[in-house]
């Protein structure tokens, strides 16, 4: 057979290492047909074969984001996006601009996202900032990590939130020193206002997916896992939109999803939830959108004191109305419910996708996986008809005693490596809350890997930058390019470049059960041609690496201008 496409004159990363001799790749019928020295691969070329001269650049498998919120990122980018704003004044200006550009008759609400806790004293701004921009229309802005929302006084009044409103079981209302509602809603308290928002239409979700897909393709990302499929924080279930886009051929990336396990789950709810998940998995798979994972949020984040800690938060970092000394943060499911859910979902052949950030959440999640394994696989080393691929995302604080348990239990570390640095939020919010000793336990990627843990990577976009090369830079240097003068965060936990890139390709493919992520004959032709060879002696800094060409199934889905020869 004659190749459709030949990439020649560069170096090849196969998903595990730089190939020792390959300088060319051939593609035919959407699959890789040859990898090797140029002379051998060019033999597959014919008169109609397209030849791309790599000019010394690296070609790798397309990168796979193992934990993203692509449709949310797209929707938010198309709404009132304050992610580029540097603080209160810029947010005010952007909200005012957006209000002038929209018709209150279509919807009185102004919705958006992207504000950053590191820009505000104590991490959280006040409703008065938004009141100054838009006093009469309700405003609802989700913060960058999606664990808190910022609203104005008009929104508080519509929701009936005042100084007497109790906190919901799974959240907290931010309060000023006098007890009045500040305009910040944490975790489950977000729903007190989110339930009043205009419904997000199917068309808006599809537009968000397409916008997010284009953004990821431009970064060399060919596949991703939607980390929440189901109703969450005012967002609808995105599965119908994904099914529609897949059926129409507009879904060009290899997307999969993790079905959302509600935080209010009870033991009595569990049989119905598993039956529902089975039916949804079958429906989605038939449409070309695999959803064989179940997402469980074990805890929240440390900056709003909702990460679950083994020991209390430091009182010096208290920003929550004076509670000190005893606050260890919540776990959203009681241990007995989490244990039962882990067992029932694994028995139904779902991979667990666990959000765990605090050291107690990490331990609790590992305990649940371990107990399920004992019940479902009582014979150690025995054969299994199905091998689970459980993953734990974020894993910020890991007690040293729990580091080797990831390898023992086969739990994949789903790393958001961009966070493993001393940025503004880490210095001003996180470390004062967790203290110096626990700060040294953060993101122990190298130690978990040394203990046998599988490794995958994801961005958590739009919580943080979707660019894999920003995260890979931090994984290797443990310092953000914008904050390099602060020194590395726990330098001993740095990864080498080969390991980091393998995690973002083959590692993420494995945990998401994608057929891609490797560059070898017979594999899908999901490829990324980079702007340089990051392994080369003259390579620029890792964070400057870009995708010049992105290919999915042999089809070009992104091309940077003037980069083909």
Protein backbone atom coordinates (compact mmCIF):
# COMPACT_ATOMS: atom_id res chain seq x y z
CA UNK A 1 0.00 0.00 0.00
CA UNK A 2 1.11 3.57 -0.68
CA UNK A 3 1.33 5.95 2.27
CA UNK A 4 -0.98 8.97 2.42
CA UNK A 5 1.55 10.95 4.46
CA UNK A 6 5.24 10.70 5.30
CA UNK A 7 6.90 12.80 8.00
CA UNK A 8 10.67 12.82 7.45
CA UNK A 9 13.86 14.47 8.61
CA UNK A 10 13.30 14.69 12.35
CA UNK A 11 13.31 12.65 15.52
CA UNK A 12 10.61 10.37 16.84
CA UNK A 13 9.28 9.99 20.39
CA UNK A 14 7.24 6.79 20.49
CA UNK A 15 5.34 7.39 23.74
CA UNK A 16 8.03 5.85 25.92
CA UNK A 17 11.37 7.20 24.69
CA UNK A 18 13.11 8.83 21.76
CA UNK A 19 13.45 6.16 19.07
CA UNK A 20 17.17 5.35 18.66
CA UNK A 21 17.16 5.27 14.84
CA UNK A 22 13.84 6.53 13.50
CA UNK A 23 13.75 9.78 11.56
CA UNK A 24 10.50 9.24 9.63
CA UNK A 25 6.91 8.07 10.02
CA UNK A 26 4.45 6.85 7.38
CA UNK A 27 0.66 7.08 7.65
CA UNK A 28 -1.95 5.30 5.56
CA UNK A 29 -5.68 4.95 6.10
CA UNK A 30 -5.59 6.76 9.42
CA UNK A 31 -2.97 4.47 10.95
CA UNK A 32 0.78 4.48 11.34
CA UNK A 33 2.29 2.03 8.88
CA UNK A 34 6.02 2.54 9.32
CA UNK A 35 8.46 4.06 11.79
CA UNK A 36 12.17 4.01 11.13
CA UNK A 37 15.10 5.45 9.19
CA UNK A 38 14.08 7.74 6.36
CA UNK A 39 15.31 5.49 3.56
CA UNK A 40 13.12 2.61 4.73
CA UNK A 41 10.03 4.71 5.39
CA UNK A 42 10.22 6.66 2.13
CA UNK A 43 9.90 3.38 0.29
CA UNK A 44 6.24 3.53 1.28
CA UNK A 45 5.75 6.86 -0.48
CA UNK A 46 4.12 7.18 -3.90
CA UNK A 47 3.45 9.97 -6.33
CA UNK A 48 0.44 11.15 -4.34
CA UNK A 49 2.00 10.85 -0.90
CA UNK A 50 2.22 14.10 1.01
CA UNK A 51 5.71 14.66 2.38
CA UNK A 52 6.28 16.83 5.46
CA UNK A 53 9.88 17.80 6.17
CA UNK A 54 10.32 17.85 9.93
CA UNK A 55 13.52 19.90 9.61
CA UNK A 56 14.91 18.41 12.80
CA UNK A 57 11.72 18.80 14.80
CA UNK A 58 10.28 16.06 17.01
CA UNK A 59 7.16 14.10 16.13
CA UNK A 60 5.40 12.45 19.05
CA UNK A 61 2.07 10.76 19.68
CA UNK A 62 -0.65 13.34 20.06
CA UNK A 63 -0.82 14.40 23.68
CA UNK A 64 -3.76 13.17 25.74
CA UNK A 65 -5.20 15.24 28.58
CA UNK A 66 -6.25 12.75 31.25
CA UNK A 67 -8.26 15.29 33.25
CA UNK A 68 -9.93 18.26 31.57
CA UNK A 69 -13.23 20.11 31.59
CA UNK A 70 -13.20 20.92 27.90
CA UNK A 71 -16.82 21.89 27.40
CA UNK A 72 -16.80 24.05 30.53
CA UNK A 73 -13.63 25.77 29.34
CA UNK A 74 -15.21 26.46 25.97
CA UNK A 75 -18.45 27.78 27.43
CA UNK A 76 -16.59 30.03 29.84
CA UNK A 77 -14.31 31.39 27.13
CA UNK A 78 -17.41 32.39 25.17
CA UNK A 79 -19.06 34.04 28.22
CA UNK A 80 -17.65 36.71 30.58
CA UNK A 81 -14.11 35.40 30.68
CA UNK A 82 -12.09 37.08 33.46
CA UNK A 83 -9.23 34.57 33.31
CA UNK A 84 -6.90 37.21 31.86
CA UNK A 85 -7.69 39.76 34.58
CA UNK A 86 -4.99 40.61 37.09
CA UNK A 87 -7.17 41.68 40.01
CA UNK A 88 -10.28 43.55 41.14
CA UNK A 89 -9.90 46.61 38.89
CA UNK A 90 -9.49 44.51 35.75
CA UNK A 91 -12.39 42.24 36.70
CA UNK A 92 -14.59 45.31 37.20
CA UNK A 93 -13.65 46.64 33.78
CA UNK A 94 -14.26 43.30 32.06
CA UNK A 95 -17.63 42.73 33.76
CA UNK A 96 -18.71 46.28 32.85
CA UNK A 97 -17.62 45.76 29.24
CA UNK A 98 -19.45 42.44 29.02
CA UNK A 99 -22.60 43.93 30.56
CA UNK A 100 -22.64 46.68 27.93
CA UNK A 101 -22.28 44.10 25.16
CA UNK A 102 -25.24 41.97 26.25
CA UNK A 103 -28.97 42.66 26.31
CA UNK A 104 -30.60 42.29 29.75
CA UNK A 105 -33.78 41.41 27.90
CA UNK A 106 -32.20 38.21 26.66
CA UNK A 107 -31.03 37.34 30.17
CA UNK A 108 -30.44 39.57 33.17
CA UNK A 109 -27.63 37.29 34.36
CA UNK A 110 -23.94 37.85 33.73
CA UNK A 111 -22.08 34.57 34.00
CA UNK A 112 -18.46 33.69 33.49
CA UNK A 113 -15.34 32.36 35.15
CA UNK A 114 -11.59 32.52 35.57
CA UNK A 115 -10.78 34.77 38.55
CA UNK A 116 -7.69 33.76 40.49
CA UNK A 117 -7.51 33.53 44.26
CA UNK A 118 -3.86 34.55 44.31
CA UNK A 119 -4.86 38.09 43.26
CA UNK A 120 -6.85 38.82 46.44
CA UNK A 121 -5.93 39.26 50.10
CA UNK A 122 -6.99 36.08 51.86
CA UNK A 123 -7.81 34.53 48.50
CA UNK A 124 -11.33 35.82 48.09
CA UNK A 125 -12.82 39.13 46.89
CA UNK A 126 -16.06 40.78 48.00
CA UNK A 127 -19.45 41.28 46.36
CA UNK A 128 -18.91 45.04 46.52
CA UNK A 129 -16.30 44.80 43.74
CA UNK A 130 -18.93 43.42 41.36
CA UNK A 131 -21.60 45.79 42.71
CA UNK A 132 -19.48 48.71 41.56
CA UNK A 133 -19.42 47.30 38.04
CA UNK A 134 -22.99 46.02 37.72
CA UNK A 135 -25.29 46.99 40.60
CA UNK A 136 -28.63 45.93 39.11
CA UNK A 137 -27.95 42.71 37.16
CA UNK A 138 -27.01 39.50 39.02
CA UNK A 139 -23.45 38.29 38.43
CA UNK A 140 -22.12 34.74 38.90
CA UNK A 141 -18.40 34.13 38.27
CA UNK A 142 -16.80 30.76 38.95
CA UNK A 143 -13.20 30.91 40.12
CA UNK A 144 -10.35 29.29 38.25
CA UNK A 145 -10.37 26.07 40.28
CA UNK A 146 -14.19 25.72 40.07
CA UNK A 147 -14.51 25.18 43.81
CA UNK A 148 -15.88 28.65 44.59
CA UNK A 149 -18.10 31.27 42.95
CA UNK A 150 -18.12 35.06 43.30
CA UNK A 151 -21.49 36.80 43.11
CA UNK A 152 -22.75 40.32 43.59
CA UNK A 153 -25.37 41.58 46.01
CA UNK A 154 -28.14 41.34 43.41
CA UNK A 155 -27.44 37.61 43.05
CA UNK A 156 -27.37 37.12 46.82
CA UNK A 157 -30.75 38.83 47.14
CA UNK A 158 -32.29 36.73 44.35
CA UNK A 159 -31.09 33.56 46.09
CA UNK A 160 -32.32 34.75 49.50
CA UNK A 161 -28.83 34.47 51.02
CA UNK A 162 -28.22 36.63 54.08
CA UNK A 163 -26.48 36.42 57.45
CA UNK A 164 -29.05 33.88 58.67
CA UNK A 165 -28.72 31.45 55.78
CA UNK A 166 -27.15 28.19 57.00
CA UNK A 167 -24.27 26.56 55.19
CA UNK A 168 -25.27 23.55 53.08
CA UNK A 169 -23.91 20.16 54.11
CA UNK A 170 -21.35 20.09 51.28
CA UNK A 171 -20.35 23.74 51.15
CA UNK A 172 -19.86 27.04 52.91
CA UNK A 173 -21.06 30.62 52.46
CA UNK A 174 -18.23 33.14 52.72
CA UNK A 175 -18.86 35.75 55.40
CA UNK A 176 -17.47 39.11 56.43
CA UNK A 177 -16.32 39.67 60.03
CA UNK A 178 -19.84 40.91 60.90
CA UNK A 179 -21.37 37.64 59.66
CA UNK A 180 -22.93 39.03 56.49
CA UNK A 181 -22.58 37.10 53.25
CA UNK A 182 -19.46 38.28 51.43
CA UNK A 183 -20.40 37.17 47.92
CA UNK A 184 -18.20 34.06 47.91
CA UNK A 185 -19.81 30.62 47.76
CA UNK A 186 -17.69 27.52 48.33
CA UNK A 187 -18.40 24.06 46.90
CA UNK A 188 -22.03 23.00 47.42
CA UNK A 189 -23.03 26.55 48.38
CA UNK A 190 -22.49 27.50 44.75
CA UNK A 191 -25.72 25.70 43.91
CA UNK A 192 -27.72 28.18 46.02
CA UNK A 193 -27.24 30.66 43.18
CA UNK A 194 -26.41 28.29 40.30
CA UNK A 195 -29.91 26.80 40.46
CA UNK A 196 -31.30 30.21 39.44
CA UNK A 197 -29.16 30.58 36.32
CA UNK A 198 -30.71 30.30 32.87
CA UNK A 199 -30.36 26.73 31.60
CA UNK A 200 -27.34 26.14 29.38
CA UNK A 201 -28.69 24.94 26.05
CA UNK A 202 -27.51 21.98 24.00
CA UNK A 203 -26.34 24.44 21.37
CA UNK A 204 -24.21 26.27 23.93
CA UNK A 205 -22.65 23.03 25.15
CA UNK A 206 -21.84 21.98 21.58
CA UNK A 207 -20.31 25.38 20.90
CA UNK A 208 -18.26 25.05 24.07
CA UNK A 209 -16.98 21.60 23.08
CA UNK A 210 -16.00 22.80 19.62
CA UNK A 211 -14.24 25.87 21.01
CA UNK A 212 -12.41 23.76 23.58
CA UNK A 213 -11.53 21.12 21.01
CA UNK A 214 -9.95 23.72 18.70
CA UNK A 215 -7.99 25.14 21.63
CA UNK A 216 -6.63 21.71 22.61
CA UNK A 217 -5.75 20.75 19.03
CA UNK A 218 -3.72 23.96 18.71
CA UNK A 219 -1.66 22.71 21.67
CA UNK A 220 -0.95 19.29 20.15
CA UNK A 221 -3.67 17.56 22.19
CA UNK A 222 -5.51 14.88 20.24
CA UNK A 223 -7.58 13.33 23.04
CA UNK A 224 -8.94 14.13 26.47
CA UNK A 225 -11.13 12.86 29.25
CA UNK A 226 -13.98 15.07 30.39
CA UNK A 227 -13.53 14.79 34.13
CA UNK A 228 -17.22 15.44 34.91
CA UNK A 229 -20.08 14.09 32.80
CA UNK A 230 -23.32 14.88 34.59
CA UNK A 231 -25.06 17.85 36.13
CA UNK A 232 -22.59 19.88 38.22
CA UNK A 233 -22.39 23.48 39.51
CA UNK A 234 -25.02 24.76 37.09
CA UNK A 235 -23.65 22.85 34.10
CA UNK A 236 -25.76 20.22 32.34
CA UNK A 237 -24.74 16.72 31.34
CA UNK A 238 -22.54 17.20 28.26
CA UNK A 239 -23.00 13.63 27.00
CA UNK A 240 -25.92 14.42 24.63
CA UNK A 241 -23.84 17.14 22.98
CA UNK A 242 -20.85 14.83 22.66
CA UNK A 243 -23.04 12.15 21.10
CA UNK A 244 -24.43 14.64 18.63
CA UNK A 245 -21.00 15.96 17.64
CA UNK A 246 -19.62 12.44 17.27
CA UNK A 247 -22.52 11.41 15.06
CA UNK A 248 -22.10 14.46 12.81
CA UNK A 249 -18.32 14.04 12.49
CA UNK A 250 -17.57 17.37 14.18
CA UNK A 251 -15.89 15.69 17.15
CA UNK A 252 -12.37 15.40 15.79
CA UNK A 253 -10.57 14.60 19.05
CA UNK A 254 -10.69 11.27 20.87
CA UNK A 255 -12.83 12.29 23.81
CA UNK A 256 -13.96 10.13 26.70
CA UNK A 257 -15.79 11.00 29.89
CA UNK A 258 -16.05 10.19 33.60
CA UNK A 259 -19.63 9.91 34.86
CA UNK A 260 -20.20 12.17 37.89
CA UNK A 261 -21.03 10.54 41.22
CA UNK A 262 -23.14 13.09 43.15
CA UNK A 263 -21.68 14.28 46.43
CA UNK A 264 -24.94 13.54 48.23
CA UNK A 265 -24.85 9.82 47.37
CA UNK A 266 -26.20 7.47 50.04
CA UNK A 267 -25.96 3.71 50.39
CA UNK A 268 -29.59 3.47 49.37
CA UNK A 269 -28.90 5.40 46.17
CA UNK A 270 -26.03 3.18 45.08
CA UNK A 271 -27.84 0.34 43.23
CA UNK A 272 -29.84 2.82 41.15
CA UNK A 273 -26.73 4.89 40.40
CA UNK A 274 -24.82 1.84 39.14
CA UNK A 275 -27.74 0.75 36.95
CA UNK A 276 -28.00 4.27 35.55
CA UNK A 277 -24.26 4.40 34.89
CA UNK A 278 -24.37 1.10 32.99
CA UNK A 279 -27.18 2.37 30.76
CA UNK A 280 -25.45 5.70 30.13
CA UNK A 281 -22.16 3.94 29.37
CA UNK A 282 -23.85 1.77 26.75
CA UNK A 283 -25.69 4.70 25.19
CA UNK A 284 -22.59 6.89 25.00
CA UNK A 285 -20.33 4.12 23.72
CA UNK A 286 -22.75 3.32 20.91
CA UNK A 287 -22.49 6.95 19.80
CA UNK A 288 -18.69 6.99 19.88
CA UNK A 289 -18.20 8.68 23.26
CA UNK A 290 -16.74 6.21 25.81
CA UNK A 291 -17.69 6.84 29.44
CA UNK A 292 -16.22 3.89 31.30
CA UNK A 293 -14.93 5.95 34.25
CA UNK A 294 -16.77 7.15 37.35
CA UNK A 295 -15.72 10.47 38.87
CA UNK A 296 -15.79 10.76 42.65
CA UNK A 297 -14.80 14.03 44.30
CA UNK A 298 -13.42 12.95 47.66
CA UNK A 299 -12.62 16.46 48.93
CA UNK A 300 -12.13 20.05 47.78
CA UNK A 301 -9.09 22.35 47.77
CA UNK A 302 -6.92 23.69 50.60
CA UNK A 303 -7.29 27.40 49.81
CA UNK A 304 -10.94 27.38 50.93
CA UNK A 305 -10.23 24.76 53.62
CA UNK A 306 -12.24 22.03 51.90
CA UNK A 307 -9.29 19.71 51.22
CA UNK A 308 -9.50 16.87 53.75
CA UNK A 309 -6.48 16.89 56.06
CA UNK A 310 -5.19 14.34 58.57
CA UNK A 311 -4.31 17.17 60.95
CA UNK A 312 -6.05 20.56 61.30
CA UNK A 313 -5.24 23.54 59.14
CA UNK A 314 -2.78 26.06 60.50
CA UNK A 315 -4.52 28.87 62.40
CA UNK A 316 -2.16 31.43 60.85
CA UNK A 317 -3.79 30.86 57.51
CA UNK A 318 -7.36 31.04 58.71
CA UNK A 319 -9.66 33.05 56.43
CA UNK A 320 -12.97 31.50 57.41
CA UNK A 321 -14.41 33.58 60.22
CA UNK A 322 -12.19 32.48 63.07
CA UNK A 323 -12.48 28.69 63.00
CA UNK A 324 -9.03 27.45 64.05
CA UNK A 325 -7.42 24.47 65.66
CA UNK A 326 -9.94 21.75 64.76
CA UNK A 327 -10.83 22.27 61.10
CA UNK A 328 -9.55 19.36 58.98
CA UNK A 329 -11.83 19.92 55.99
CA UNK A 330 -14.63 17.64 54.74
CA UNK A 331 -14.79 14.46 52.78
CA UNK A 332 -17.86 14.60 50.59
CA UNK A 333 -18.90 10.98 50.99
CA UNK A 334 -18.86 9.16 54.33
CA UNK A 335 -16.16 6.46 54.32
CA UNK A 336 -18.71 3.65 54.28
CA UNK A 337 -20.42 5.17 51.23
CA UNK A 338 -17.13 5.71 49.42
CA UNK A 339 -16.07 2.12 50.16
CA UNK A 340 -19.37 0.72 48.91
CA UNK A 341 -19.31 2.93 45.81
CA UNK A 342 -15.75 1.88 44.94
CA UNK A 343 -16.65 -1.79 45.25
CA UNK A 344 -19.94 -1.54 43.33
CA UNK A 345 -18.51 0.56 40.52
CA UNK A 346 -15.45 -1.66 40.06
CA UNK A 347 -17.72 -4.72 40.08
CA UNK A 348 -19.66 -3.05 37.25
CA UNK A 349 -16.36 -2.54 35.39
CA UNK A 350 -15.98 1.18 35.87
CA UNK A 351 -12.58 2.74 36.37
CA UNK A 352 -12.58 5.10 39.34
CA UNK A 353 -11.47 8.68 38.68
CA UNK A 354 -10.89 10.06 42.16
CA UNK A 355 -10.36 13.73 43.00
CA UNK A 356 -8.17 13.78 46.12
CA UNK A 357 -6.05 16.72 47.24
CA UNK A 358 -5.65 16.64 51.03
CA UNK A 359 -3.61 13.89 52.73
CA UNK A 360 -6.71 12.50 54.46
CA UNK A 361 -8.61 12.41 51.16
CA UNK A 362 -5.72 10.59 49.50
CA UNK A 363 -5.59 8.02 52.31
CA UNK A 364 -9.37 7.59 52.35
CA UNK A 365 -9.44 7.06 48.58
CA UNK A 366 -6.59 4.54 48.69
CA UNK A 367 -8.37 2.72 51.51
CA UNK A 368 -11.52 2.45 49.40
CA UNK A 369 -9.62 1.06 46.40
CA UNK A 370 -7.78 -1.39 48.64
CA UNK A 371 -10.95 -2.65 50.32
CA UNK A 372 -12.66 -3.12 46.96
CA UNK A 373 -9.67 -5.15 45.74
CA UNK A 374 -9.82 -7.42 48.80
CA UNK A 375 -13.53 -8.09 48.27
CA UNK A 376 -13.50 -8.46 44.49
CA UNK A 377 -10.09 -10.09 44.08
CA UNK A 378 -9.46 -12.08 47.27
CA UNK A 379 -6.66 -14.17 45.75
CA UNK A 380 -3.51 -12.04 45.45
CA UNK A 381 -1.90 -12.41 42.07
CA UNK A 382 -4.87 -14.32 40.68
CA UNK A 383 -6.07 -13.78 37.14
CA UNK A 384 -8.84 -11.28 36.49
CA UNK A 385 -11.29 -11.18 33.63
CA UNK A 386 -11.10 -7.38 33.71
CA UNK A 387 -8.27 -5.18 34.96
CA UNK A 388 -9.37 -1.88 36.53
CA UNK A 389 -7.42 1.28 35.73
CA UNK A 390 -8.24 3.48 38.67
CA UNK A 391 -6.70 6.94 38.76
CA UNK A 392 -6.34 9.62 41.41
CA UNK A 393 -6.24 13.19 40.16
CA UNK A 394 -4.36 16.12 41.74
CA UNK A 395 -2.75 14.23 44.69
CA UNK A 396 -1.37 17.44 46.14
CA UNK A 397 -0.66 16.38 49.73
CA UNK A 398 0.40 12.78 50.23
CA UNK A 399 1.49 11.55 53.65
CA UNK A 400 4.86 9.76 53.29
CA UNK A 401 3.29 6.53 54.58
CA UNK A 402 0.88 6.54 51.64
CA UNK A 403 3.37 7.20 48.85
CA UNK A 404 4.17 3.50 48.17
CA UNK A 405 0.50 2.48 48.29
CA UNK A 406 -0.16 3.86 44.79
CA UNK A 407 2.21 1.29 43.31
CA UNK A 408 0.98 -1.52 45.54
CA UNK A 409 -2.64 -0.89 44.55
CA UNK A 410 -1.92 -0.03 40.91
CA UNK A 411 -3.58 3.39 41.22
CA UNK A 412 -2.46 5.76 38.46
CA UNK A 413 -1.23 9.17 39.57
CA UNK A 414 -3.15 11.63 37.38
CA UNK A 415 -0.83 14.61 37.76
CA UNK A 416 -1.66 18.24 37.14
CA UNK A 417 2.02 19.08 37.16
CA UNK A 418 1.59 22.80 36.45
CA UNK A 419 0.55 23.24 40.07
CA UNK A 420 3.79 21.81 41.52
CA UNK A 421 5.51 25.17 41.88
CA UNK A 422 5.82 28.14 44.24
CA UNK A 423 3.44 30.56 42.55
CA UNK A 424 1.50 33.39 44.22
CA UNK A 425 -1.28 31.14 45.44
CA UNK A 426 1.12 28.59 46.86
CA UNK A 427 3.12 31.20 48.76
CA UNK A 428 0.35 33.45 50.04
CA UNK A 429 -2.55 31.02 50.55
CA UNK A 430 -1.63 27.35 50.51
CA UNK A 431 1.55 27.16 52.60
CA UNK A 432 0.20 29.39 55.42
CA UNK A 433 -2.78 27.03 55.67
CA UNK A 434 -0.94 23.71 55.55
CA UNK A 435 2.35 24.65 57.24
CA UNK A 436 5.98 24.06 56.33
CA UNK A 437 6.14 20.32 57.05
CA UNK A 438 3.14 19.39 54.91
CA UNK A 439 4.34 21.76 52.22
CA UNK A 440 7.25 19.35 51.70
CA UNK A 441 4.81 16.51 50.99
CA UNK A 442 3.30 18.20 47.96
CA UNK A 443 3.07 16.53 44.56
CA UNK A 444 5.54 13.68 45.24
CA UNK A 445 5.53 12.52 41.62
CA UNK A 446 9.05 11.06 41.54
CA UNK A 447 8.56 9.17 44.81
CA UNK A 448 5.25 7.66 43.75
CA UNK A 449 6.74 6.70 40.39
CA UNK A 450 9.72 5.08 42.15
CA UNK A 451 7.21 3.10 44.20
CA UNK A 452 5.74 1.59 41.06
CA UNK A 453 2.80 3.94 40.49
CA UNK A 454 1.66 4.39 36.88
CA UNK A 455 1.73 8.04 35.82
CA UNK A 456 -0.61 10.07 33.60
CA UNK A 457 -0.95 13.81 33.12
CA UNK A 458 -3.74 16.28 32.56
CA UNK A 459 -4.32 19.99 32.76
CA UNK A 460 -7.65 20.36 34.59
CA UNK A 461 -8.35 23.13 32.04
CA UNK A 462 -9.92 25.68 32.51
CA UNK A 463 -8.80 25.44 36.14
CA UNK A 464 -5.30 26.00 34.77
CA UNK A 465 -3.50 26.38 31.46
CA UNK A 466 -4.31 23.64 28.95
CA UNK A 467 -0.85 23.79 27.36
CA UNK A 468 0.92 20.47 28.11
CA UNK A 469 4.34 22.06 27.72
CA UNK A 470 3.75 24.50 30.55
CA UNK A 471 2.98 21.52 32.80
CA UNK A 472 5.89 19.46 31.48
CA UNK A 473 8.21 22.40 32.16
CA UNK A 474 7.08 22.48 35.79
CA UNK A 475 7.24 18.67 36.12
CA UNK A 476 10.89 18.78 35.05
CA UNK A 477 11.98 21.95 36.88
CA UNK A 478 9.42 22.12 39.75
CA UNK A 479 9.25 25.85 39.04
CA UNK A 480 6.91 27.89 36.86
CA UNK A 481 8.59 29.92 34.12
CA UNK A 482 6.88 33.06 35.49
CA UNK A 483 7.97 32.33 39.07
CA UNK A 484 11.41 30.79 38.61
CA UNK A 485 13.06 33.22 40.99
CA UNK A 486 11.24 31.61 43.94
CA UNK A 487 13.16 28.36 43.58
CA UNK A 488 11.83 24.83 42.98
CA UNK A 489 9.04 23.27 45.02
CA UNK A 490 10.45 20.07 46.55
CA UNK A 491 13.13 19.69 43.88
CA UNK A 492 13.68 15.99 44.64
CA UNK A 493 10.24 15.22 43.17
CA UNK A 494 11.15 16.47 39.67
CA UNK A 495 10.70 14.17 36.68
CA UNK A 496 12.95 13.83 33.66
CA UNK A 497 11.61 14.94 30.29
CA UNK A 498 11.19 11.40 28.92
CA UNK A 499 9.04 10.40 31.89
CA UNK A 500 6.92 13.55 31.75
CA UNK A 501 6.23 13.30 28.01
CA UNK A 502 5.51 9.59 28.31
CA UNK A 503 2.97 10.37 31.04
CA UNK A 504 1.23 12.88 28.76
CA UNK A 505 1.06 10.37 25.88
CA UNK A 506 1.23 6.62 26.61
CA UNK A 507 0.42 7.07 30.31
CA UNK A 508 -2.72 9.10 29.69
CA UNK A 509 -3.76 6.76 26.87
CA UNK A 510 -3.54 3.77 29.18
CA UNK A 511 -5.61 5.24 31.99
CA UNK A 512 -8.28 6.62 29.63
CA UNK A 513 -8.32 3.37 27.61
CA UNK A 514 -7.49 5.26 24.43
CA UNK A 515 -6.09 3.30 21.47
CA UNK A 516 -3.71 6.20 20.78
CA UNK A 517 -0.81 7.64 22.79
CA UNK A 518 1.92 5.54 21.15
CA UNK A 519 3.77 5.92 17.87
CA UNK A 520 4.26 2.50 16.30
CA UNK A 521 2.96 0.60 13.27
CA UNK A 522 -0.72 -0.26 13.61
CA UNK A 523 -1.49 2.50 16.10
CA UNK A 524 -3.91 5.31 15.21
CA UNK A 525 -2.15 8.15 13.42
CA UNK A 526 -2.67 10.66 16.22
CA UNK A 527 0.47 12.80 16.02
CA UNK A 528 1.94 16.09 17.14
CA UNK A 529 4.78 17.76 15.26
CA UNK A 530 6.53 20.06 17.71
CA UNK A 531 8.18 23.40 17.01
CA UNK A 532 11.58 21.98 17.94
CA UNK A 533 13.19 18.88 19.39
CA UNK A 534 12.91 19.40 23.15
CA UNK A 535 15.47 16.63 23.70
CA UNK A 536 18.03 18.37 21.48
CA UNK A 537 21.10 20.18 22.83
CA UNK A 538 19.95 23.53 21.42
CA UNK A 539 16.31 23.20 22.42
CA UNK A 540 14.60 26.27 23.85
CA UNK A 541 13.10 26.20 27.33
CA UNK A 542 10.42 23.52 27.58
CA UNK A 543 7.60 25.98 28.14
CA UNK A 544 8.36 27.56 24.75
CA UNK A 545 7.62 24.31 22.90
CA UNK A 546 4.62 24.60 20.57
CA UNK A 547 2.65 22.31 18.31
CA UNK A 548 3.19 23.06 14.62
CA UNK A 549 0.96 20.28 13.29
CA UNK A 550 -1.68 18.16 15.01
CA UNK A 551 -3.09 15.05 13.35
CA UNK A 552 -5.92 12.76 14.52
CA UNK A 553 -6.54 9.52 12.67
CA UNK A 554 -4.39 10.72 9.79
CA UNK A 555 -6.39 13.94 9.45
CA UNK A 556 -4.83 17.35 10.08
CA UNK A 557 -6.86 19.12 12.76
CA UNK A 558 -4.45 22.00 13.40
CA UNK A 559 -1.61 23.54 11.45
CA UNK A 560 0.49 26.52 12.40
CA UNK A 561 1.04 28.75 9.40
CA UNK A 562 4.20 28.32 7.30
CA UNK A 563 5.50 25.20 9.01
CA UNK A 564 5.27 22.63 6.23
CA UNK A 565 8.05 22.13 3.71
